[in-house]
C-alpha atoms as a PDB file:
ATOM      1  CA  MET A   1     -11.419 -92.742 105.894  1.00  0.00           C
ATOM      2  CA  LEU A   2     -12.981 -95.670 106.553  1.00  0.00           C
ATOM      3  CA  ASN A   3     -13.814 -96.181 102.704  1.00  0.00           C
ATOM      4  CA  THR A   4     -10.095 -95.061 101.906  1.00  0.00           C
ATOM      5  CA  TYR A   5      -8.907 -98.222 104.116  1.00  0.00           C
ATOM      6  CA  PHE A   6     -11.662-100.672 102.562  1.00  0.00           C
ATOM      7  CA  ARG A   7     -11.109 -99.382  98.998  1.00  0.00           C
ATOM      8  CA  VAL A   8      -6.907 -99.921  99.641  1.00  0.00           C
ATOM      9  CA  ILE A   9      -7.432-103.619 101.050  1.00  0.00           C
ATOM     10  CA  VAL A  10      -9.821-104.777  98.477  1.00  0.00           C
ATOM     11  CA  GLY A  11      -7.452-103.086  95.648  1.00  0.00           C
ATOM     12  CA  PHE A  12      -4.470-104.944  97.446  1.00  0.00           C
ATOM     13  CA  MET A  13      -6.116-108.420  97.611  1.00  0.00           C
ATOM     14  CA  VAL A  14      -7.565-108.428  93.441  1.00  0.00           C
ATOM     15  CA  LEU A  15      -3.745-107.111  92.512  1.00  0.00           C
ATOM     16  CA  LEU A  16      -2.471-110.026  95.125  1.00  0.00           C
ATOM     17  CA  SER A  17      -4.752-112.603  93.628  1.00  0.00           C
ATOM     18  CA  VAL A  18      -3.878-111.539  90.052  1.00  0.00           C
ATOM     19  CA  VAL A  19      -0.234-111.600  90.561  1.00  0.00           C
ATOM     20  CA  LEU A  20      -0.630-115.558  92.298  1.00  0.00           C
ATOM     21  CA  THR A  21      -2.810-116.911  89.409  1.00  0.00           C
ATOM     22  CA  VAL A  22      -0.307-115.566  86.784  1.00  0.00           C
ATOM     23  CA  TYR A  23       3.080-116.728  88.506  1.00  0.00           C
ATOM     24  CA  VAL A  24       1.792-119.604  90.912  1.00  0.00           C
ATOM     25  CA  ASN A  25      -1.494-121.094  89.899  1.00  0.00           C
ATOM     26  CA  PRO A  26      -4.761-120.479  88.043  1.00  0.00           C
ATOM     27  CA  ASN A  27      -6.971-121.309  90.534  1.00  0.00           C
ATOM     28  CA  TRP A  28      -5.940-118.466  92.367  1.00  0.00           C
ATOM     29  CA  MET A  29      -8.682-116.536  89.995  1.00  0.00           C
ATOM     30  CA  TRP A  30     -11.528-118.155  92.223  1.00  0.00           C
ATOM     31  CA  PHE A  31      -9.932-115.287  95.235  1.00  0.00           C
ATOM     32  CA  THR A  32     -10.804-112.451  92.308  1.00  0.00           C
ATOM     33  CA  VAL A  33     -14.140-114.295  91.792  1.00  0.00           C
ATOM     34  CA  PHE A  34     -14.994-114.189  95.384  1.00  0.00           C
ATOM     35  CA  ILE A  35     -13.640-110.747  96.177  1.00  0.00           C
ATOM     36  CA  GLY A  36     -16.025-109.351  93.200  1.00  0.00           C
ATOM     37  CA  VAL A  37     -19.269-111.303  94.202  1.00  0.00           C
ATOM     38  CA  ASN A  38     -18.300-110.200  97.494  1.00  0.00           C
ATOM     39  CA  LEU A  39     -18.104-106.278  96.398  1.00  0.00           C
ATOM     40  CA  ILE A  40     -21.797-106.875  93.872  1.00  0.00           C
ATOM     41  CA  GLN A  41     -23.220-108.960  97.158  1.00  0.00           C
ATOM     42  CA  SER A  42     -22.456-105.396  99.567  1.00  0.00           C
ATOM     43  CA  ALA A  43     -23.640-103.079  96.924  1.00  0.00           C
ATOM     44  CA  PHE A  44     -27.135-104.902  97.099  1.00  0.00           C
ATOM     45  CA  THR A  45     -27.386-105.995 101.034  1.00  0.00           C
ATOM     46  CA  LYS A  46     -25.310-102.690 102.302  1.00  0.00           C
ATOM     47  CA  TRP A  47     -23.077-105.441 104.808  1.00  0.00           C
ATOM     48  CA  CYS A  48     -19.451-106.214 103.675  1.00  0.00           C
ATOM     49  CA  LEU A  49     -17.472-108.856 106.227  1.00  0.00           C
ATOM     50  CA  LEU A  50     -14.212-106.239 105.721  1.00  0.00           C
ATOM     51  CA  GLU A  51     -16.472-103.094 106.511  1.00  0.00           C
ATOM     52  CA  THR A  52     -17.160-104.657 110.155  1.00  0.00           C
ATOM     53  CA  ILE A  53     -13.995-106.049 110.874  1.00  0.00           C
ATOM     54  CA  LEU A  54     -12.754-101.974 110.055  1.00  0.00           C
ATOM     55  CA  VAL A  55     -15.764-100.854 112.079  1.00  0.00           C
ATOM     56  CA  LYS A  56     -14.699-102.712 114.873  1.00  0.00           C
ATOM     57  CA  THR A  57     -10.941-101.908 114.835  1.00  0.00           C
ATOM     58  CA  TRP A  58     -11.316 -98.542 113.713  1.00  0.00           C
ATOM     59  CA  ARG A  59     -13.606 -98.128 117.469  1.00  0.00           C
ATOM     60  CA  LYS A  60     -10.959-100.390 119.205  1.00  0.00           C
ATOM     61  CA  LYS A  61      -8.350 -97.631 118.322  1.00  0.00           C
ATOM     62  CA  LYS A  62     -10.907 -94.738 119.331  1.00  0.00           C
ATOM     63  CA  VAL A  63     -11.223 -96.319 122.839  1.00  0.00           C
ATOM     64  CA  VAL A  64      -7.521 -96.839 123.104  1.00  0.00           C
ATOM     65  CA  LYS A  65      -6.674 -93.555 122.134  1.00  0.00           C
ATOM     66  CA  ALA A  66      -9.589 -91.898 124.552  1.00  0.00           C
ATOM     67  CA  VAL A  67      -7.957 -93.640 127.259  1.00  0.00           C
ATOM     68  CA  GLN A  68      -4.470 -92.500 126.888  1.00  0.00           C
ATOM     69  CA  VAL A  69      -6.023 -88.918 126.389  1.00  0.00           C
ATOM     70  CA  VAL A  70      -7.766 -89.268 129.604  1.00  0.00           C
ATOM     71  CA  LYS A  71      -4.633 -90.626 131.774  1.00  0.00           C
END
């Protein structure tokens, strides 16, 4: 499930950066480059900031759901 969220967010960010590049300013292409470099880096290091953020928020949701079930 986490992998699905990751792919949706990254895909949305790429599409958004392309739209911003076409309609706002060509410098937005650097955002697309940043996303690509981050994906390549995470393939080699097995670490990605977005994944870390998603895992932390995922755990918080599980804790909140567990507390609600106990009540």
